[in-house]
Amino acid sequence: MASKSTWTYEQNKRFEDALAILVGNKDVPIVTTDGWEKIAKAVGEGKTVEDVRRHYKALEEDIVLIESGAVPLPKYNKLGNKNGGSANRGKSTYRS
């Protein structure tokens, strides 16, 4: 069994961008090997198809928790960000 991988902000952003593009492209469903390979290639930095599948599964689980109310939404200020600035941008890591 593979261990959980750590994702940087940049990797997660590339993952989300590639996912959004593929979801909009009806010719390449993401549930195919080709779709997962395209996402892994877009993320780069050694992420494998299995890494992106696990990351997607974690995203699905997070969405279920958020939509069920189990995870409260953050309180944003008038500028639209949680902490009043973007000082932490790029420094976060994501676990999947």
PDB file of N, CA and C in Angstrom:
ATOM      1  N   MET A   1       0.848  -1.185   0.000  1.00  0.00           N
ATOM      2  CA  MET A   1       0.000   0.000   0.000  1.00  0.00           C
ATOM      3  C   MET A   1       0.886   1.239   0.000  1.00  0.00           C
ATOM      4  N   ALA A   2       0.624   2.171  -0.902  1.00  0.00           N
ATOM      5  CA  ALA A   2       1.428   3.384  -0.998  1.00  0.00           C
ATOM      6  C   ALA A   2       1.109   4.316   0.162  1.00  0.00           C
ATOM      7  N   SER A   3       2.109   5.097   0.536  1.00  0.00           N
ATOM      8  CA  SER A   3       1.892   6.048   1.615  1.00  0.00           C
ATOM      9  C   SER A   3       1.213   7.302   1.071  1.00  0.00           C
ATOM     10  N   LYS A   4       0.661   8.088   1.972  1.00  0.00           N
ATOM     11  CA  LYS A   4       0.018   9.328   1.567  1.00  0.00           C
ATOM     12  C   LYS A   4       1.092  10.296   1.092  1.00  0.00           C
ATOM     13  N   SER A   5       0.764  11.060   0.066  1.00  0.00           N
ATOM     14  CA  SER A   5       1.721  12.018  -0.450  1.00  0.00           C
ATOM     15  C   SER A   5       1.339  13.426  -0.010  1.00  0.00           C
ATOM     16  N   THR A   6       2.332  14.279   0.075  1.00  0.00           N
ATOM     17  CA  THR A   6       2.116  15.672   0.422  1.00  0.00           C
ATOM     18  C   THR A   6       2.046  16.481  -0.859  1.00  0.00           C
ATOM     19  N   TRP A   7       1.127  17.401  -0.908  1.00  0.00           N
ATOM     20  CA  TRP A   7       0.925  18.252  -2.084  1.00  0.00           C
ATOM     21  C   TRP A   7       1.177  19.696  -1.693  1.00  0.00           C
ATOM     22  N   THR A   8       1.966  20.403  -2.494  1.00  0.00           N
ATOM     23  CA  THR A   8       2.183  21.829  -2.271  1.00  0.00           C
ATOM     24  C   THR A   8       0.993  22.608  -2.810  1.00  0.00           C
ATOM     25  N   TYR A   9       0.943  23.870  -2.473  1.00  0.00           N
ATOM     26  CA  TYR A   9      -0.110  24.743  -3.002  1.00  0.00           C
ATOM     27  C   TYR A   9      -0.082  24.730  -4.533  1.00  0.00           C
ATOM     28  N   GLU A  10       1.120  24.834  -5.085  1.00  0.00           N
ATOM     29  CA  GLU A  10       1.267  24.885  -6.544  1.00  0.00           C
ATOM     30  C   GLU A  10       0.803  23.587  -7.203  1.00  0.00           C
ATOM     31  N   GLN A  11       1.168  22.445  -6.621  1.00  0.00           N
ATOM     32  CA  GLN A  11       0.727  21.159  -7.167  1.00  0.00           C
ATOM     33  C   GLN A  11      -0.789  21.048  -7.102  1.00  0.00           C
ATOM     34  N   ASN A  12      -1.364  21.448  -5.980  1.00  0.00           N
ATOM     35  CA  ASN A  12      -2.807  21.378  -5.827  1.00  0.00           C
ATOM     36  C   ASN A  12      -3.501  22.290  -6.833  1.00  0.00           C
ATOM     37  N   LYS A  13      -2.944  23.466  -7.074  1.00  0.00           N
ATOM     38  CA  LYS A  13      -3.511  24.395  -8.049  1.00  0.00           C
ATOM     39  C   LYS A  13      -3.455  23.793  -9.455  1.00  0.00           C
ATOM     40  N   ARG A  14      -2.328  23.182  -9.823  1.00  0.00           N
ATOM     41  CA  ARG A  14      -2.230  22.539 -11.135  1.00  0.00           C
ATOM     42  C   ARG A  14      -3.214  21.373 -11.244  1.00  0.00           C
ATOM     43  N   PHE A  15      -3.392  20.627 -10.155  1.00  0.00           N
ATOM     44  CA  PHE A  15      -4.364  19.534 -10.106  1.00  0.00           C
ATOM     45  C   PHE A  15      -5.772  20.075 -10.375  1.00  0.00           C
ATOM     46  N   GLU A  16      -6.149  21.118  -9.652  1.00  0.00           N
ATOM     47  CA  GLU A  16      -7.483  21.692  -9.807  1.00  0.00           C
ATOM     48  C   GLU A  16      -7.691  22.260 -11.209  1.00  0.00           C
ATOM     49  N   ASP A  17      -6.667  22.935 -11.747  1.00  0.00           N
ATOM     50  CA  ASP A  17      -6.772  23.491 -13.101  1.00  0.00           C
ATOM     51  C   ASP A  17      -6.956  22.381 -14.132  1.00  0.00           C
ATOM     52  N   ALA A  18      -6.137  21.330 -14.037  1.00  0.00           N
ATOM     53  CA  ALA A  18      -6.233  20.211 -14.986  1.00  0.00           C
ATOM     54  C   ALA A  18      -7.585  19.516 -14.850  1.00  0.00           C
ATOM     55  N   LEU A  19      -8.046  19.360 -13.632  1.00  0.00           N
ATOM     56  CA  LEU A  19      -9.345  18.734 -13.391  1.00  0.00           C
ATOM     57  C   LEU A  19     -10.463  19.558 -14.026  1.00  0.00           C
ATOM     58  N   ALA A  20     -10.412  20.866 -13.851  1.00  0.00           N
ATOM     59  CA  ALA A  20     -11.431  21.741 -14.422  1.00  0.00           C
ATOM     60  C   ALA A  20     -11.430  21.663 -15.947  1.00  0.00           C
ATOM     61  N   ILE A  21     -10.262  21.614 -16.543  1.00  0.00           N
ATOM     62  CA  ILE A  21     -10.163  21.517 -17.996  1.00  0.00           C
ATOM     63  C   ILE A  21     -10.741  20.184 -18.476  1.00  0.00           C
ATOM     64  N   LEU A  22     -10.378  19.100 -17.802  1.00  0.00           N
ATOM     65  CA  LEU A  22     -10.871  17.787 -18.222  1.00  0.00           C
ATOM     66  C   LEU A  22     -12.362  17.623 -18.003  1.00  0.00           C
ATOM     67  N   VAL A  23     -12.882  18.193 -16.934  1.00  0.00           N
ATOM     68  CA  VAL A  23     -14.324  18.109 -16.691  1.00  0.00           C
ATOM     69  C   VAL A  23     -15.063  18.841 -17.808  1.00  0.00           C
ATOM     70  N   GLY A  24     -14.489  19.925 -18.302  1.00  0.00           N
ATOM     71  CA  GLY A  24     -15.096  20.672 -19.387  1.00  0.00           C
ATOM     72  C   GLY A  24     -14.909  20.022 -20.749  1.00  0.00           C
ATOM     73  N   ASN A  25     -13.997  19.045 -20.840  1.00  0.00           N
ATOM     74  CA  ASN A  25     -13.716  18.375 -22.105  1.00  0.00           C
ATOM     75  C   ASN A  25     -14.438  17.036 -22.118  1.00  0.00           C
ATOM     76  N   LYS A  26     -15.545  16.981 -22.813  1.00  0.00           N
ATOM     77  CA  LYS A  26     -16.370  15.758 -22.820  1.00  0.00           C
ATOM     78  C   LYS A  26     -15.690  14.599 -23.541  1.00  0.00           C
ATOM     79  N   ASP A  27     -14.610  14.879 -24.294  1.00  0.00           N
ATOM     80  CA  ASP A  27     -13.916  13.824 -25.036  1.00  0.00           C
ATOM     81  C   ASP A  27     -13.012  12.969 -24.141  1.00  0.00           C
ATOM     82  N   VAL A  28     -12.632  13.491 -22.958  1.00  0.00           N
ATOM     83  CA  VAL A  28     -11.718  12.757 -22.076  1.00  0.00           C
ATOM     84  C   VAL A  28     -12.312  12.712 -20.675  1.00  0.00           C
ATOM     85  N   PRO A  29     -13.168  11.737 -20.385  1.00  0.00           N
ATOM     86  CA  PRO A  29     -13.696  11.621 -19.020  1.00  0.00           C
ATOM     87  C   PRO A  29     -12.562  11.347 -18.033  1.00  0.00           C
ATOM     88  N   ILE A  30     -12.600  11.989 -16.869  1.00  0.00           N
ATOM     89  CA  ILE A  30     -11.490  11.846 -15.926  1.00  0.00           C
ATOM     90  C   ILE A  30     -11.400  10.451 -15.338  1.00  0.00           C
ATOM     91  N   VAL A  31     -12.464   9.694 -15.391  1.00  0.00           N
ATOM     92  CA  VAL A  31     -12.430   8.362 -14.793  1.00  0.00           C
ATOM     93  C   VAL A  31     -11.681   7.356 -15.655  1.00  0.00           C
ATOM     94  N   THR A  32     -11.188   7.791 -16.801  1.00  0.00           N
ATOM     95  CA  THR A  32     -10.408   6.891 -17.642  1.00  0.00           C
ATOM     96  C   THR A  32      -8.936   7.005 -17.284  1.00  0.00           C
ATOM     97  N   THR A  33      -8.185   6.000 -17.653  1.00  0.00           N
ATOM     98  CA  THR A  33      -6.742   6.035 -17.429  1.00  0.00           C
ATOM     99  C   THR A  33      -6.134   7.243 -18.122  1.00  0.00           C
ATOM    100  N   ASP A  34      -6.608   7.540 -19.321  1.00  0.00           N
ATOM    101  CA  ASP A  34      -6.083   8.684 -20.061  1.00  0.00           C
ATOM    102  C   ASP A  34      -6.312   9.989 -19.305  1.00  0.00           C
ATOM    103  N   GLY A  35      -7.489  10.144 -18.716  1.00  0.00           N
ATOM    104  CA  GLY A  35      -7.794  11.347 -17.938  1.00  0.00           C
ATOM    105  C   GLY A  35      -6.882  11.501 -16.738  1.00  0.00           C
ATOM    106  N   TRP A  36      -6.699  10.435 -15.981  1.00  0.00           N
ATOM    107  CA  TRP A  36      -5.820  10.476 -14.809  1.00  0.00           C
ATOM    108  C   TRP A  36      -4.375  10.738 -15.222  1.00  0.00           C
ATOM    109  N   GLU A  37      -3.949  10.152 -16.336  1.00  0.00           N
ATOM    110  CA  GLU A  37      -2.586  10.379 -16.815  1.00  0.00           C
ATOM    111  C   GLU A  37      -2.377  11.834 -17.197  1.00  0.00           C
ATOM    112  N   LYS A  38      -3.383  12.446 -17.828  1.00  0.00           N
ATOM    113  CA  LYS A  38      -3.276  13.854 -18.204  1.00  0.00           C
ATOM    114  C   LYS A  38      -3.167  14.740 -16.962  1.00  0.00           C
ATOM    115  N   ILE A  39      -3.936  14.419 -15.934  1.00  0.00           N
ATOM    116  CA  ILE A  39      -3.868  15.210 -14.703  1.00  0.00           C
ATOM    117  C   ILE A  39      -2.498  15.022 -14.041  1.00  0.00           C
ATOM    118  N   ALA A  40      -2.022  13.791 -13.947  1.00  0.00           N
ATOM    119  CA  ALA A  40      -0.712  13.528 -13.335  1.00  0.00           C
ATOM    120  C   ALA A  40       0.391  14.274 -14.087  1.00  0.00           C
ATOM    121  N   LYS A  41       0.303  14.279 -15.395  1.00  0.00           N
ATOM    122  CA  LYS A  41       1.310  14.973 -16.210  1.00  0.00           C
ATOM    123  C   LYS A  41       1.242  16.482 -15.963  1.00  0.00           C
ATOM    124  N   ALA A  42       0.036  17.027 -15.853  1.00  0.00           N
ATOM    125  CA  ALA A  42      -0.133  18.460 -15.601  1.00  0.00           C
ATOM    126  C   ALA A  42       0.406  18.855 -14.225  1.00  0.00           C
ATOM    127  N   VAL A  43       0.202  17.998 -13.238  1.00  0.00           N
ATOM    128  CA  VAL A  43       0.705  18.289 -11.888  1.00  0.00           C
ATOM    129  C   VAL A  43       2.225  18.205 -11.877  1.00  0.00           C
ATOM    130  N   GLY A  44       2.752  17.167 -12.537  1.00  0.00           N
ATOM    131  CA  GLY A  44       4.205  17.005 -12.635  1.00  0.00           C
ATOM    132  C   GLY A  44       4.847  16.667 -11.305  1.00  0.00           C
ATOM    133  N   GLU A  45       6.119  16.965 -11.210  1.00  0.00           N
ATOM    134  CA  GLU A  45       6.902  16.776  -9.983  1.00  0.00           C
ATOM    135  C   GLU A  45       6.782  15.366  -9.414  1.00  0.00           C
ATOM    136  N   GLY A  46       6.689  14.385 -10.304  1.00  0.00           N
ATOM    137  CA  GLY A  46       6.693  12.996  -9.863  1.00  0.00           C
ATOM    138  C   GLY A  46       5.366  12.446  -9.375  1.00  0.00           C
ATOM    139  N   LYS A  47       4.284  13.222  -9.487  1.00  0.00           N
ATOM    140  CA  LYS A  47       2.975  12.701  -9.066  1.00  0.00           C
ATOM    141  C   LYS A  47       2.530  11.626 -10.056  1.00  0.00           C
ATOM    142  N   THR A  48       2.068  10.525  -9.511  1.00  0.00           N
ATOM    143  CA  THR A  48       1.649   9.392 -10.327  1.00  0.00           C
ATOM    144  C   THR A  48       0.137   9.410 -10.518  1.00  0.00           C
ATOM    145  N   VAL A  49      -0.337   8.534 -11.396  1.00  0.00           N
ATOM    146  CA  VAL A  49      -1.772   8.374 -11.596  1.00  0.00           C
ATOM    147  C   VAL A  49      -2.434   8.008 -10.270  1.00  0.00           C
ATOM    148  N   GLU A  50      -1.807   7.124  -9.531  1.00  0.00           N
ATOM    149  CA  GLU A  50      -2.373   6.730  -8.230  1.00  0.00           C
ATOM    150  C   GLU A  50      -2.412   7.919  -7.267  1.00  0.00           C
ATOM    151  N   ASP A  51      -1.386   8.767  -7.274  1.00  0.00           N
ATOM    152  CA  ASP A  51      -1.384   9.971  -6.433  1.00  0.00           C
ATOM    153  C   ASP A  51      -2.581  10.861  -6.753  1.00  0.00           C
ATOM    154  N   VAL A  52      -2.825  11.104  -8.048  1.00  0.00           N
ATOM    155  CA  VAL A  52      -3.925  12.000  -8.402  1.00  0.00           C
ATOM    156  C   VAL A  52      -5.279  11.350  -8.140  1.00  0.00           C
ATOM    157  N   ARG A  53      -5.382  10.048  -8.288  1.00  0.00           N
ATOM    158  CA  ARG A  53      -6.642   9.364  -7.939  1.00  0.00           C
ATOM    159  C   ARG A  53      -6.936   9.507  -6.448  1.00  0.00           C
ATOM    160  N   ARG A  54      -5.910   9.300  -5.614  1.00  0.00           N
ATOM    161  CA  ARG A  54      -6.102   9.454  -4.160  1.00  0.00           C
ATOM    162  C   ARG A  54      -6.456  10.897  -3.804  1.00  0.00           C
ATOM    163  N   HIS A  55      -5.792  11.852  -4.464  1.00  0.00           N
ATOM    164  CA  HIS A  55      -6.053  13.259  -4.189  1.00  0.00           C
ATOM    165  C   HIS A  55      -7.491  13.615  -4.583  1.00  0.00           C
ATOM    166  N   TYR A  56      -7.951  13.079  -5.699  1.00  0.00           N
ATOM    167  CA  TYR A  56      -9.326  13.307  -6.146  1.00  0.00           C
ATOM    168  C   TYR A  56     -10.318  12.691  -5.150  1.00  0.00           C
ATOM    169  N   LYS A  57     -10.026  11.492  -4.687  1.00  0.00           N
ATOM    170  CA  LYS A  57     -10.898  10.818  -3.713  1.00  0.00           C
ATOM    171  C   LYS A  57     -10.987  11.645  -2.426  1.00  0.00           C
ATOM    172  N   ALA A  58      -9.837  12.184  -1.985  1.00  0.00           N
ATOM    173  CA  ALA A  58      -9.830  13.034  -0.784  1.00  0.00           C
ATOM    174  C   ALA A  58     -10.667  14.289  -1.017  1.00  0.00           C
ATOM    175  N   LEU A  59     -10.581  14.855  -2.219  1.00  0.00           N
ATOM    176  CA  LEU A  59     -11.383  16.029  -2.563  1.00  0.00           C
ATOM    177  C   LEU A  59     -12.867  15.690  -2.505  1.00  0.00           C
ATOM    178  N   GLU A  60     -13.247  14.549  -3.072  1.00  0.00           N
ATOM    179  CA  GLU A  60     -14.653  14.119  -3.024  1.00  0.00           C
ATOM    180  C   GLU A  60     -15.130  13.977  -1.578  1.00  0.00           C
ATOM    181  N   GLU A  61     -14.295  13.367  -0.737  1.00  0.00           N
ATOM    182  CA  GLU A  61     -14.668  13.175   0.669  1.00  0.00           C
ATOM    183  C   GLU A  61     -14.815  14.516   1.378  1.00  0.00           C
ATOM    184  N   ASP A  62     -13.926  15.471   1.080  1.00  0.00           N
ATOM    185  CA  ASP A  62     -14.031  16.804   1.670  1.00  0.00           C
ATOM    186  C   ASP A  62     -15.334  17.484   1.257  1.00  0.00           C
ATOM    187  N   ILE A  63     -15.695  17.357  -0.008  1.00  0.00           N
ATOM    188  CA  ILE A  63     -16.925  17.973  -0.507  1.00  0.00           C
ATOM    189  C   ILE A  63     -18.141  17.390   0.202  1.00  0.00           C
ATOM    190  N   VAL A  64     -18.155  16.079   0.381  1.00  0.00           N
ATOM    191  CA  VAL A  64     -19.272  15.438   1.094  1.00  0.00           C
ATOM    192  C   VAL A  64     -19.379  15.984   2.517  1.00  0.00           C
ATOM    193  N   LEU A  65     -18.246  16.105   3.206  1.00  0.00           N
ATOM    194  CA  LEU A  65     -18.259  16.629   4.576  1.00  0.00           C
ATOM    195  C   LEU A  65     -18.727  18.079   4.623  1.00  0.00           C
ATOM    196  N   ILE A  66     -18.251  18.892   3.696  1.00  0.00           N
ATOM    197  CA  ILE A  66     -18.650  20.298   3.659  1.00  0.00           C
ATOM    198  C   ILE A  66     -20.136  20.425   3.361  1.00  0.00           C
ATOM    199  N   GLU A  67     -20.605  19.696   2.350  1.00  0.00           N
ATOM    200  CA  GLU A  67     -22.017  19.789   1.982  1.00  0.00           C
ATOM    201  C   GLU A  67     -22.954  19.234   3.041  1.00  0.00           C
ATOM    202  N   SER A  68     -22.468  18.313   3.855  1.00  0.00           N
ATOM    203  CA  SER A  68     -23.302  17.758   4.913  1.00  0.00           C
ATOM    204  C   SER A  68     -23.332  18.651   6.153  1.00  0.00           C
ATOM    205  N   GLY A  69     -22.491  19.686   6.150  1.00  0.00           N
ATOM    206  CA  GLY A  69     -22.439  20.589   7.301  1.00  0.00           C
ATOM    207  C   GLY A  69     -21.476  20.133   8.378  1.00  0.00           C
ATOM    208  N   ALA A  70     -20.760  19.044   8.150  1.00  0.00           N
ATOM    209  CA  ALA A  70     -19.819  18.530   9.142  1.00  0.00           C
ATOM    210  C   ALA A  70     -18.592  19.421   9.282  1.00  0.00           C
ATOM    211  N   VAL A  71     -18.303  20.211   8.264  1.00  0.00           N
ATOM    212  CA  VAL A  71     -17.168  21.128   8.296  1.00  0.00           C
ATOM    213  C   VAL A  71     -17.720  22.521   8.041  1.00  0.00           C
ATOM    214  N   PRO A  72     -17.589  23.423   9.023  1.00  0.00           N
ATOM    215  CA  PRO A  72     -18.126  24.771   8.804  1.00  0.00           C
ATOM    216  C   PRO A  72     -17.289  25.528   7.778  1.00  0.00           C
ATOM    217  N   LEU A  73     -17.969  26.350   6.995  1.00  0.00           N
ATOM    218  CA  LEU A  73     -17.257  27.190   6.045  1.00  0.00           C
ATOM    219  C   LEU A  73     -16.507  28.276   6.804  1.00  0.00           C
ATOM    220  N   PRO A  74     -15.342  28.689   6.319  1.00  0.00           N
ATOM    221  CA  PRO A  74     -14.583  29.738   7.006  1.00  0.00           C
ATOM    222  C   PRO A  74     -15.301  31.080   6.910  1.00  0.00           C
ATOM    223  N   LYS A  75     -15.031  31.936   7.875  1.00  0.00           N
ATOM    224  CA  LYS A  75     -15.579  33.289   7.875  1.00  0.00           C
ATOM    225  C   LYS A  75     -14.587  34.173   7.119  1.00  0.00           C
ATOM    226  N   TYR A  76     -15.029  34.750   6.015  1.00  0.00           N
ATOM    227  CA  TYR A  76     -14.163  35.604   5.210  1.00  0.00           C
ATOM    228  C   TYR A  76     -14.438  37.063   5.514  1.00  0.00           C
ATOM    229  N   ASN A  77     -13.388  37.894   5.401  1.00  0.00           N
ATOM    230  CA  ASN A  77     -13.578  39.318   5.580  1.00  0.00           C
ATOM    231  C   ASN A  77     -14.103  39.927   4.289  1.00  0.00           C
ATOM    232  N   LYS A  78     -14.257  41.221   4.244  1.00  0.00           N
ATOM    233  CA  LYS A  78     -14.836  41.875   3.076  1.00  0.00           C
ATOM    234  C   LYS A  78     -13.969  41.730   1.831  1.00  0.00           C
ATOM    235  N   LEU A  79     -12.671  41.502   1.991  1.00  0.00           N
ATOM    236  CA  LEU A  79     -11.785  41.350   0.842  1.00  0.00           C
ATOM    237  C   LEU A  79     -11.866  39.961   0.234  1.00  0.00           C
ATOM    238  N   GLY A  80     -12.525  39.046   0.914  1.00  0.00           N
ATOM    239  CA  GLY A  80     -12.727  37.715   0.357  1.00  0.00           C
ATOM    240  C   GLY A  80     -11.727  36.680   0.795  1.00  0.00           C
ATOM    241  N   ASN A  81     -10.772  37.046   1.674  1.00  0.00           N
ATOM    242  CA  ASN A  81      -9.861  36.010   2.142  1.00  0.00           C
ATOM    243  C   ASN A  81      -9.942  35.889   3.648  1.00  0.00           C
ATOM    244  N   LYS A  82      -9.618  34.731   4.107  1.00  0.00           N
ATOM    245  CA  LYS A  82      -9.835  34.344   5.503  1.00  0.00           C
ATOM    246  C   LYS A  82      -9.005  35.164   6.484  1.00  0.00           C
ATOM    247  N   ASN A  83      -7.733  35.429   6.148  1.00  0.00           N
ATOM    248  CA  ASN A  83      -6.826  36.063   7.096  1.00  0.00           C
ATOM    249  C   ASN A  83      -6.519  37.512   6.755  1.00  0.00           C
ATOM    250  N   GLY A  84      -7.253  38.087   5.818  1.00  0.00           N
ATOM    251  CA  GLY A  84      -7.045  39.479   5.472  1.00  0.00           C
ATOM    252  C   GLY A  84      -5.873  39.707   4.543  1.00  0.00           C
ATOM    253  N   GLY A  85      -5.234  38.670   4.071  1.00  0.00           N
ATOM    254  CA  GLY A  85      -4.102  38.821   3.172  1.00  0.00           C
ATOM    255  C   GLY A  85      -3.707  37.496   2.588  1.00  0.00           C
ATOM    256  N   SER A  86      -2.726  37.523   1.726  1.00  0.00           N
ATOM    257  CA  SER A  86      -2.300  36.286   1.083  1.00  0.00           C
ATOM    258  C   SER A  86      -0.894  35.900   1.502  1.00  0.00           C
ATOM    259  N   ALA A  87      -0.497  36.225   2.714  1.00  0.00           N
ATOM    260  CA  ALA A  87       0.858  35.954   3.184  1.00  0.00           C
ATOM    261  C   ALA A  87       1.180  34.470   3.197  1.00  0.00           C
ATOM    262  N   ASN A  88       0.190  33.618   3.376  1.00  0.00           N
ATOM    263  CA  ASN A  88       0.437  32.181   3.436  1.00  0.00           C
ATOM    264  C   ASN A  88       0.332  31.505   2.093  1.00  0.00           C
ATOM    265  N   ARG A  89       0.011  32.238   1.047  1.00  0.00           N
ATOM    266  CA  ARG A  89      -0.154  31.638  -0.282  1.00  0.00           C
ATOM    267  C   ARG A  89       1.143  30.959  -0.703  1.00  0.00           C
ATOM    268  N   GLY A  90       1.005  29.750  -1.156  1.00  0.00           N
ATOM    269  CA  GLY A  90       2.164  29.003  -1.638  1.00  0.00           C
ATOM    270  C   GLY A  90       2.902  28.263  -0.543  1.00  0.00           C
ATOM    271  N   LYS A  91       2.556  28.496   0.705  1.00  0.00           N
ATOM    272  CA  LYS A  91       3.262  27.845   1.806  1.00  0.00           C
ATOM    273  C   LYS A  91       2.470  26.672   2.381  1.00  0.00           C
ATOM    274  N   SER A  92       1.211  26.558   1.992  1.00  0.00           N
ATOM    275  CA  SER A  92       0.380  25.475   2.507  1.00  0.00           C
ATOM    276  C   SER A  92       0.726  24.156   1.836  1.00  0.00           C
ATOM    277  N   THR A  93       0.482  23.091   2.552  1.00  0.00           N
ATOM    278  CA  THR A  93       0.594  21.781   1.953  1.00  0.00           C
ATOM    279  C   THR A  93      -0.729  21.066   2.140  1.00  0.00           C
ATOM    280  N   TYR A  94      -0.994  20.130   1.250  1.00  0.00           N
ATOM    281  CA  TYR A  94      -2.238  19.379   1.261  1.00  0.00           C
ATOM    282  C   TYR A  94      -1.890  17.906   1.384  1.00  0.00           C
ATOM    283  N   ARG A  95      -2.660  17.186   2.174  1.00  0.00           N
ATOM    284  CA  ARG A  95      -2.434  15.749   2.325  1.00  0.00           C
ATOM    285  C   ARG A  95      -3.546  15.017   1.616  1.00  0.00           C
ATOM    286  N   SER A  96      -3.189  13.960   0.919  1.00  0.00           N
ATOM    287  CA  SER A  96      -4.216  13.124   0.290  1.00  0.00           C
ATOM    288  C   SER A  96      -3.910  11.671   0.586  1.00  0.00           C
TER     289      SER A  96
END
